PDB file of all heavy atoms in Angstrom:
ATOM      1  N   ASN A   1      16.965   2.648  -5.542  1.00  0.00           N
ATOM      2  CA  ASN A   1      17.296   1.325  -5.020  1.00  0.00           C
ATOM      3  C   ASN A   1      16.231   0.984  -3.983  1.00  0.00           C
ATOM      4  O   ASN A   1      16.161   1.610  -2.931  1.00  0.00           O
ATOM      5  CB  ASN A   1      18.696   1.328  -4.412  1.00  0.00           C
ATOM      6  CG  ASN A   1      19.126  -0.051  -3.959  1.00  0.00           C
ATOM      7  OD1 ASN A   1      18.439  -1.036  -4.192  1.00  0.00           O
ATOM      8  ND2 ASN A   1      20.265  -0.109  -3.298  1.00  0.00           N
ATOM      9  N   TYR A   2      15.387   0.011  -4.302  1.00  0.00           N
ATOM     10  CA  TYR A   2      14.270  -0.342  -3.425  1.00  0.00           C
ATOM     11  C   TYR A   2      14.702  -1.401  -2.426  1.00  0.00           C
ATOM     12  O   TYR A   2      15.477  -2.306  -2.740  1.00  0.00           O
ATOM     13  CB  TYR A   2      13.090  -0.835  -4.261  1.00  0.00           C
ATOM     14  CG  TYR A   2      12.508   0.259  -5.120  1.00  0.00           C
ATOM     15  CD1 TYR A   2      12.990   0.490  -6.399  1.00  0.00           C
ATOM     16  CD2 TYR A   2      11.499   1.087  -4.641  1.00  0.00           C
ATOM     17  CE1 TYR A   2      12.478   1.505  -7.189  1.00  0.00           C
ATOM     18  CE2 TYR A   2      10.985   2.106  -5.425  1.00  0.00           C
ATOM     19  CZ  TYR A   2      11.475   2.307  -6.696  1.00  0.00           C
ATOM     20  OH  TYR A   2      10.969   3.316  -7.461  1.00  0.00           O
ATOM     21  N   THR A   3      14.191  -1.277  -1.208  1.00  0.00           N
ATOM     22  CA  THR A   3      14.535  -2.197  -0.136  1.00  0.00           C
ATOM     23  C   THR A   3      13.549  -3.368  -0.110  1.00  0.00           C
ATOM     24  O   THR A   3      12.497  -3.329  -0.748  1.00  0.00           O
ATOM     25  CB  THR A   3      14.482  -1.479   1.226  1.00  0.00           C
ATOM     26  OG1 THR A   3      13.121  -1.102   1.490  1.00  0.00           O
ATOM     27  CG2 THR A   3      15.380  -0.251   1.252  1.00  0.00           C
ATOM     28  N   GLU A   4      13.888  -4.384   0.645  1.00  0.00           N
ATOM     29  CA  GLU A   4      12.996  -5.528   0.824  1.00  0.00           C
ATOM     30  C   GLU A   4      11.693  -5.094   1.505  1.00  0.00           C
ATOM     31  O   GLU A   4      10.645  -5.674   1.251  1.00  0.00           O
ATOM     32  CB  GLU A   4      13.690  -6.622   1.645  1.00  0.00           C
ATOM     33  CG  GLU A   4      14.824  -7.318   0.918  1.00  0.00           C
ATOM     34  CD  GLU A   4      14.377  -8.122  -0.293  1.00  0.00           C
ATOM     35  OE1 GLU A   4      13.305  -8.763  -0.240  1.00  0.00           O
ATOM     36  OE2 GLU A   4      15.089  -8.090  -1.319  1.00  0.00           O
ATOM     37  N   GLU A   5      11.773  -4.087   2.357  1.00  0.00           N
ATOM     38  CA  GLU A   5      10.572  -3.555   3.016  1.00  0.00           C
ATOM     39  C   GLU A   5       9.538  -3.056   2.017  1.00  0.00           C
ATOM     40  O   GLU A   5       8.344  -3.053   2.298  1.00  0.00           O
ATOM     41  CB  GLU A   5      10.949  -2.390   3.947  1.00  0.00           C
ATOM     42  CG  GLU A   5      10.987  -2.740   5.407  1.00  0.00           C
ATOM     43  CD  GLU A   5      11.212  -1.494   6.245  1.00  0.00           C
ATOM     44  OE1 GLU A   5      12.382  -1.139   6.451  1.00  0.00           O
ATOM     45  OE2 GLU A   5      10.207  -0.883   6.680  1.00  0.00           O
ATOM     46  N   ALA A   6      10.025  -2.624   0.848  1.00  0.00           N
ATOM     47  CA  ALA A   6       9.118  -2.107  -0.180  1.00  0.00           C
ATOM     48  C   ALA A   6       8.152  -3.189  -0.662  1.00  0.00           C
ATOM     49  O   ALA A   6       6.995  -2.902  -0.970  1.00  0.00           O
ATOM     50  CB  ALA A   6       9.905  -1.535  -1.345  1.00  0.00           C
ATOM     51  N   ILE A   7       8.599  -4.435  -0.709  1.00  0.00           N
ATOM     52  CA  ILE A   7       7.731  -5.537  -1.154  1.00  0.00           C
ATOM     53  C   ILE A   7       6.543  -5.675  -0.204  1.00  0.00           C
ATOM     54  O   ILE A   7       5.388  -5.758  -0.637  1.00  0.00           O
ATOM     55  CB  ILE A   7       8.522  -6.861  -1.232  1.00  0.00           C
ATOM     56  CG1 ILE A   7       9.660  -6.751  -2.247  1.00  0.00           C
ATOM     57  CG2 ILE A   7       7.584  -8.024  -1.588  1.00  0.00           C
ATOM     58  CD1 ILE A   7      10.664  -7.881  -2.166  1.00  0.00           C
ATOM     59  N   GLU A   8       6.833  -5.668   1.092  1.00  0.00           N
ATOM     60  CA  GLU A   8       5.767  -5.776   2.095  1.00  0.00           C
ATOM     61  C   GLU A   8       4.827  -4.570   2.018  1.00  0.00           C
ATOM     62  O   GLU A   8       3.606  -4.708   2.069  1.00  0.00           O
ATOM     63  CB  GLU A   8       6.379  -5.876   3.497  1.00  0.00           C
ATOM     64  CG  GLU A   8       5.353  -6.011   4.590  1.00  0.00           C
ATOM     65  CD  GLU A   8       5.987  -6.010   5.973  1.00  0.00           C
ATOM     66  OE1 GLU A   8       7.153  -6.439   6.102  1.00  0.00           O
ATOM     67  OE2 GLU A   8       5.306  -5.564   6.919  1.00  0.00           O
ATOM     68  N   ARG A   9       5.398  -3.404   1.872  1.00  0.00           N
ATOM     69  CA  ARG A   9       4.603  -2.174   1.803  1.00  0.00           C
ATOM     70  C   ARG A   9       3.657  -2.207   0.603  1.00  0.00           C
ATOM     71  O   ARG A   9       2.485  -1.879   0.706  1.00  0.00           O
ATOM     72  CB  ARG A   9       5.542  -0.973   1.713  1.00  0.00           C
ATOM     73  CG  ARG A   9       4.877   0.371   1.692  1.00  0.00           C
ATOM     74  CD  ARG A   9       4.364   0.751   3.049  1.00  0.00           C
ATOM     75  NE  ARG A   9       4.262   2.189   3.203  1.00  0.00           N
ATOM     76  CZ  ARG A   9       4.295   2.807   4.361  1.00  0.00           C
ATOM     77  NH1 ARG A   9       4.427   2.122   5.469  1.00  0.00           N
ATOM     78  NH2 ARG A   9       4.180   4.102   4.426  1.00  0.00           N
ATOM     79  N   LEU A  10       4.170  -2.634  -0.544  1.00  0.00           N
ATOM     80  CA  LEU A  10       3.343  -2.699  -1.748  1.00  0.00           C
ATOM     81  C   LEU A  10       2.248  -3.756  -1.613  1.00  0.00           C
ATOM     82  O   LEU A  10       1.126  -3.554  -2.092  1.00  0.00           O
ATOM     83  CB  LEU A  10       4.213  -2.964  -2.983  1.00  0.00           C
ATOM     84  CG  LEU A  10       5.117  -1.801  -3.375  1.00  0.00           C
ATOM     85  CD1 LEU A  10       6.095  -2.234  -4.472  1.00  0.00           C
ATOM     86  CD2 LEU A  10       4.318  -0.587  -3.816  1.00  0.00           C
ATOM     87  N   GLY A  11       2.542  -4.855  -0.941  1.00  0.00           N
ATOM     88  CA  GLY A  11       1.510  -5.866  -0.678  1.00  0.00           C
ATOM     89  C   GLY A  11       0.397  -5.292   0.171  1.00  0.00           C
ATOM     90  O   GLY A  11      -0.794  -5.537  -0.076  1.00  0.00           O
ATOM     91  N   PHE A  12       0.764  -4.524   1.172  1.00  0.00           N
ATOM     92  CA  PHE A  12      -0.202  -3.848   2.044  1.00  0.00           C
ATOM     93  C   PHE A  12      -1.054  -2.880   1.229  1.00  0.00           C
ATOM     94  O   PHE A  12      -2.282  -2.860   1.344  1.00  0.00           O
ATOM     95  CB  PHE A  12       0.564  -3.119   3.155  1.00  0.00           C
ATOM     96  CG  PHE A  12      -0.290  -2.558   4.241  1.00  0.00           C
ATOM     97  CD1 PHE A  12      -0.686  -3.335   5.315  1.00  0.00           C
ATOM     98  CD2 PHE A  12      -0.698  -1.220   4.197  1.00  0.00           C
ATOM     99  CE1 PHE A  12      -1.474  -2.805   6.328  1.00  0.00           C
ATOM    100  CE2 PHE A  12      -1.485  -0.684   5.193  1.00  0.00           C
ATOM    101  CZ  PHE A  12      -1.872  -1.476   6.272  1.00  0.00           C
ATOM    102  N   ILE A  13      -0.401  -2.099   0.366  1.00  0.00           N
ATOM    103  CA  ILE A  13      -1.108  -1.130  -0.478  1.00  0.00           C
ATOM    104  C   ILE A  13      -2.096  -1.853  -1.390  1.00  0.00           C
ATOM    105  O   ILE A  13      -3.246  -1.433  -1.534  1.00  0.00           O
ATOM    106  CB  ILE A  13      -0.100  -0.282  -1.286  1.00  0.00           C
ATOM    107  CG1 ILE A  13       0.667   0.663  -0.348  1.00  0.00           C
ATOM    108  CG2 ILE A  13      -0.800   0.504  -2.393  1.00  0.00           C
ATOM    109  CD1 ILE A  13       1.874   1.336  -0.980  1.00  0.00           C
ATOM    110  N   LYS A  14      -1.656  -2.949  -2.017  1.00  0.00           N
ATOM    111  CA  LYS A  14      -2.530  -3.706  -2.918  1.00  0.00           C
ATOM    112  C   LYS A  14      -3.776  -4.212  -2.187  1.00  0.00           C
ATOM    113  O   LYS A  14      -4.883  -4.139  -2.714  1.00  0.00           O
ATOM    114  CB  LYS A  14      -1.772  -4.889  -3.518  1.00  0.00           C
ATOM    115  CG  LYS A  14      -0.876  -4.519  -4.670  1.00  0.00           C
ATOM    116  CD  LYS A  14      -0.005  -5.658  -5.133  1.00  0.00           C
ATOM    117  CE  LYS A  14      -0.753  -6.839  -5.674  1.00  0.00           C
ATOM    118  NZ  LYS A  14       0.140  -7.833  -6.302  1.00  0.00           N
ATOM    119  N   LYS A  15      -3.595  -4.706  -0.979  1.00  0.00           N
ATOM    120  CA  LYS A  15      -4.740  -5.199  -0.206  1.00  0.00           C
ATOM    121  C   LYS A  15      -5.737  -4.088   0.057  1.00  0.00           C
ATOM    122  O   LYS A  15      -6.940  -4.266  -0.106  1.00  0.00           O
ATOM    123  CB  LYS A  15      -4.277  -5.792   1.127  1.00  0.00           C
ATOM    124  CG  LYS A  15      -3.648  -7.137   1.011  1.00  0.00           C
ATOM    125  CD  LYS A  15      -3.197  -7.635   2.360  1.00  0.00           C
ATOM    126  CE  LYS A  15      -2.359  -8.902   2.203  1.00  0.00           C
ATOM    127  NZ  LYS A  15      -1.783  -9.336   3.467  1.00  0.00           N
ATOM    128  N   PHE A  16      -5.238  -2.942   0.455  1.00  0.00           N
ATOM    129  CA  PHE A  16      -6.134  -1.840   0.794  1.00  0.00           C
ATOM    130  C   PHE A  16      -6.764  -1.226  -0.453  1.00  0.00           C
ATOM    131  O   PHE A  16      -7.898  -0.768  -0.402  1.00  0.00           O
ATOM    132  CB  PHE A  16      -5.429  -0.800   1.667  1.00  0.00           C
ATOM    133  CG  PHE A  16      -5.470  -1.178   3.116  1.00  0.00           C
ATOM    134  CD1 PHE A  16      -4.627  -2.145   3.625  1.00  0.00           C
ATOM    135  CD2 PHE A  16      -6.389  -0.598   3.967  1.00  0.00           C
ATOM    136  CE1 PHE A  16      -4.690  -2.524   4.953  1.00  0.00           C
ATOM    137  CE2 PHE A  16      -6.460  -0.954   5.307  1.00  0.00           C
ATOM    138  CZ  PHE A  16      -5.606  -1.926   5.806  1.00  0.00           C
ATOM    139  N   GLN A  17      -6.060  -1.237  -1.558  1.00  0.00           N
ATOM    140  CA  GLN A  17      -6.686  -0.766  -2.799  1.00  0.00           C
ATOM    141  C   GLN A  17      -7.763  -1.750  -3.231  1.00  0.00           C
ATOM    142  O   GLN A  17      -8.776  -1.355  -3.789  1.00  0.00           O
ATOM    143  CB  GLN A  17      -5.652  -0.574  -3.893  1.00  0.00           C
ATOM    144  CG  GLN A  17      -4.892   0.715  -3.730  1.00  0.00           C
ATOM    145  CD  GLN A  17      -4.609   1.389  -5.033  1.00  0.00           C
ATOM    146  OE1 GLN A  17      -3.952   0.817  -5.879  1.00  0.00           O
ATOM    147  NE2 GLN A  17      -5.114   2.591  -5.182  1.00  0.00           N
ATOM    148  N   GLY A  18      -7.541  -3.024  -2.933  1.00  0.00           N
ATOM    149  CA  GLY A  18      -8.518  -4.048  -3.262  1.00  0.00           C
ATOM    150  C   GLY A  18      -9.844  -3.873  -2.554  1.00  0.00           C
ATOM    151  O   GLY A  18     -10.886  -4.312  -3.041  1.00  0.00           O
ATOM    152  N   ILE A  19      -9.832  -3.225  -1.399  1.00  0.00           N
ATOM    153  CA  ILE A  19     -11.093  -2.978  -0.693  1.00  0.00           C
ATOM    154  C   ILE A  19     -11.637  -1.589  -1.003  1.00  0.00           C
ATOM    155  O   ILE A  19     -12.588  -1.135  -0.392  1.00  0.00           O
ATOM    156  CB  ILE A  19     -10.975  -3.180   0.839  1.00  0.00           C
ATOM    157  CG1 ILE A  19      -9.976  -2.210   1.464  1.00  0.00           C
ATOM    158  CG2 ILE A  19     -10.637  -4.608   1.177  1.00  0.00           C
ATOM    159  CD1 ILE A  19     -10.039  -2.155   2.988  1.00  0.00           C
ATOM    160  N   GLY A  20     -11.012  -0.930  -1.966  1.00  0.00           N
ATOM    161  CA  GLY A  20     -11.558   0.335  -2.450  1.00  0.00           C
ATOM    162  C   GLY A  20     -11.013   1.588  -1.804  1.00  0.00           C
ATOM    163  O   GLY A  20     -11.644   2.634  -1.866  1.00  0.00           O
ATOM    164  N   CYS A  21      -9.831   1.516  -1.211  1.00  0.00           N
ATOM    165  CA  CYS A  21      -9.242   2.712  -0.606  1.00  0.00           C
ATOM    166  C   CYS A  21      -8.702   3.642  -1.687  1.00  0.00           C
ATOM    167  O   CYS A  21      -8.046   3.209  -2.633  1.00  0.00           O
ATOM    168  CB  CYS A  21      -8.095   2.336   0.324  1.00  0.00           C
ATOM    169  SG  CYS A  21      -8.619   1.671   1.891  1.00  0.00           S
ATOM    170  N   SER A  22      -8.973   4.910  -1.523  1.00  0.00           N
ATOM    171  CA  SER A  22      -8.408   5.924  -2.410  1.00  0.00           C
ATOM    172  C   SER A  22      -6.953   6.168  -2.000  1.00  0.00           C
ATOM    173  O   SER A  22      -6.512   5.714  -0.941  1.00  0.00           O
ATOM    174  CB  SER A  22      -9.196   7.227  -2.266  1.00  0.00           C
ATOM    175  OG  SER A  22      -9.003   7.765  -0.963  1.00  0.00           O
ATOM    176  N   ILE A  23      -6.238   6.904  -2.816  1.00  0.00           N
ATOM    177  CA  ILE A  23      -4.850   7.257  -2.486  1.00  0.00           C
ATOM    178  C   ILE A  23      -4.815   8.059  -1.186  1.00  0.00           C
ATOM    179  O   ILE A  23      -3.958   7.825  -0.334  1.00  0.00           O
ATOM    180  CB  ILE A  23      -4.177   8.034  -3.641  1.00  0.00           C
ATOM    181  CG1 ILE A  23      -4.049   7.142  -4.887  1.00  0.00           C
ATOM    182  CG2 ILE A  23      -2.828   8.589  -3.230  1.00  0.00           C
ATOM    183  CD1 ILE A  23      -3.129   5.945  -4.724  1.00  0.00           C
ATOM    184  N   ALA A  24      -5.750   8.964  -1.025  1.00  0.00           N
ATOM    185  CA  ALA A  24      -5.797   9.771   0.212  1.00  0.00           C
ATOM    186  C   ALA A  24      -6.020   8.867   1.426  1.00  0.00           C
ATOM    187  O   ALA A  24      -5.365   9.044   2.460  1.00  0.00           O
ATOM    188  CB  ALA A  24      -6.898  10.820   0.111  1.00  0.00           C
ATOM    189  N   GLU A  25      -6.933   7.912   1.303  1.00  0.00           N
ATOM    190  CA  GLU A  25      -7.164   6.984   2.416  1.00  0.00           C
ATOM    191  C   GLU A  25      -5.935   6.126   2.671  1.00  0.00           C
ATOM    192  O   GLU A  25      -5.585   5.869   3.827  1.00  0.00           O
ATOM    193  CB  GLU A  25      -8.359   6.071   2.112  1.00  0.00           C
ATOM    194  CG  GLU A  25      -9.690   6.735   2.260  1.00  0.00           C
ATOM    195  CD  GLU A  25     -10.821   5.797   1.909  1.00  0.00           C
ATOM    196  OE1 GLU A  25     -10.802   5.202   0.812  1.00  0.00           O
ATOM    197  OE2 GLU A  25     -11.733   5.651   2.743  1.00  0.00           O
ATOM    198  N   LEU A  26      -5.286   5.701   1.598  1.00  0.00           N
ATOM    199  CA  LEU A  26      -4.069   4.903   1.757  1.00  0.00           C
ATOM    200  C   LEU A  26      -3.009   5.678   2.514  1.00  0.00           C
ATOM    201  O   LEU A  26      -2.348   5.131   3.407  1.00  0.00           O
ATOM    202  CB  LEU A  26      -3.520   4.498   0.389  1.00  0.00           C
ATOM    203  CG  LEU A  26      -4.060   3.198  -0.177  1.00  0.00           C
ATOM    204  CD1 LEU A  26      -3.702   3.061  -1.649  1.00  0.00           C
ATOM    205  CD2 LEU A  26      -3.544   2.017   0.605  1.00  0.00           C
ATOM    206  N   ARG A  27      -2.847   6.951   2.171  1.00  0.00           N
ATOM    207  CA  ARG A  27      -1.873   7.788   2.884  1.00  0.00           C
ATOM    208  C   ARG A  27      -2.186   7.790   4.377  1.00  0.00           C
ATOM    209  O   ARG A  27      -1.301   7.649   5.212  1.00  0.00           O
ATOM    210  CB  ARG A  27      -1.907   9.216   2.356  1.00  0.00           C
ATOM    211  CG  ARG A  27      -0.857   9.512   1.351  1.00  0.00           C
ATOM    212  CD  ARG A  27      -0.751  11.004   1.073  1.00  0.00           C
ATOM    213  NE  ARG A  27      -0.686  11.184  -0.357  1.00  0.00           N
ATOM    214  CZ  ARG A  27      -1.690  11.545  -1.128  1.00  0.00           C
ATOM    215  NH1 ARG A  27      -2.857  11.843  -0.630  1.00  0.00           N
ATOM    216  NH2 ARG A  27      -1.534  11.649  -2.426  1.00  0.00           N
ATOM    217  N   GLU A  28      -3.468   7.971   4.681  1.00  0.00           N
ATOM    218  CA  GLU A  28      -3.908   8.024   6.073  1.00  0.00           C
ATOM    219  C   GLU A  28      -3.658   6.692   6.789  1.00  0.00           C
ATOM    220  O   GLU A  28      -3.127   6.659   7.898  1.00  0.00           O
ATOM    221  CB  GLU A  28      -5.407   8.340   6.084  1.00  0.00           C
ATOM    222  CG  GLU A  28      -5.896   9.044   7.316  1.00  0.00           C
ATOM    223  CD  GLU A  28      -7.361   9.421   7.143  1.00  0.00           C
ATOM    224  OE1 GLU A  28      -7.675  10.255   6.269  1.00  0.00           O
ATOM    225  OE2 GLU A  28      -8.169   8.856   7.904  1.00  0.00           O
ATOM    226  N   VAL A  29      -4.034   5.605   6.142  1.00  0.00           N
ATOM    227  CA  VAL A  29      -3.862   4.273   6.732  1.00  0.00           C
ATOM    228  C   VAL A  29      -2.381   3.988   6.958  1.00  0.00           C
ATOM    229  O   VAL A  29      -1.987   3.502   8.024  1.00  0.00           O
ATOM    230  CB  VAL A  29      -4.502   3.192   5.829  1.00  0.00           C
ATOM    231  CG1 VAL A  29      -4.062   1.800   6.235  1.00  0.00           C
ATOM    232  CG2 VAL A  29      -6.021   3.297   5.864  1.00  0.00           C
TER     233      VAL A  29
END
C-alpha cells in the first residue's frame, strides 16, 4: 500500500535519474 509521499519521492528520483545519477548516488542523495 503506497502512500501519497511515494509520489513525491518518485518525482525526486526521476529528476535525479534525469541528470544521470546512478542507483548508488540516488541512495546517497
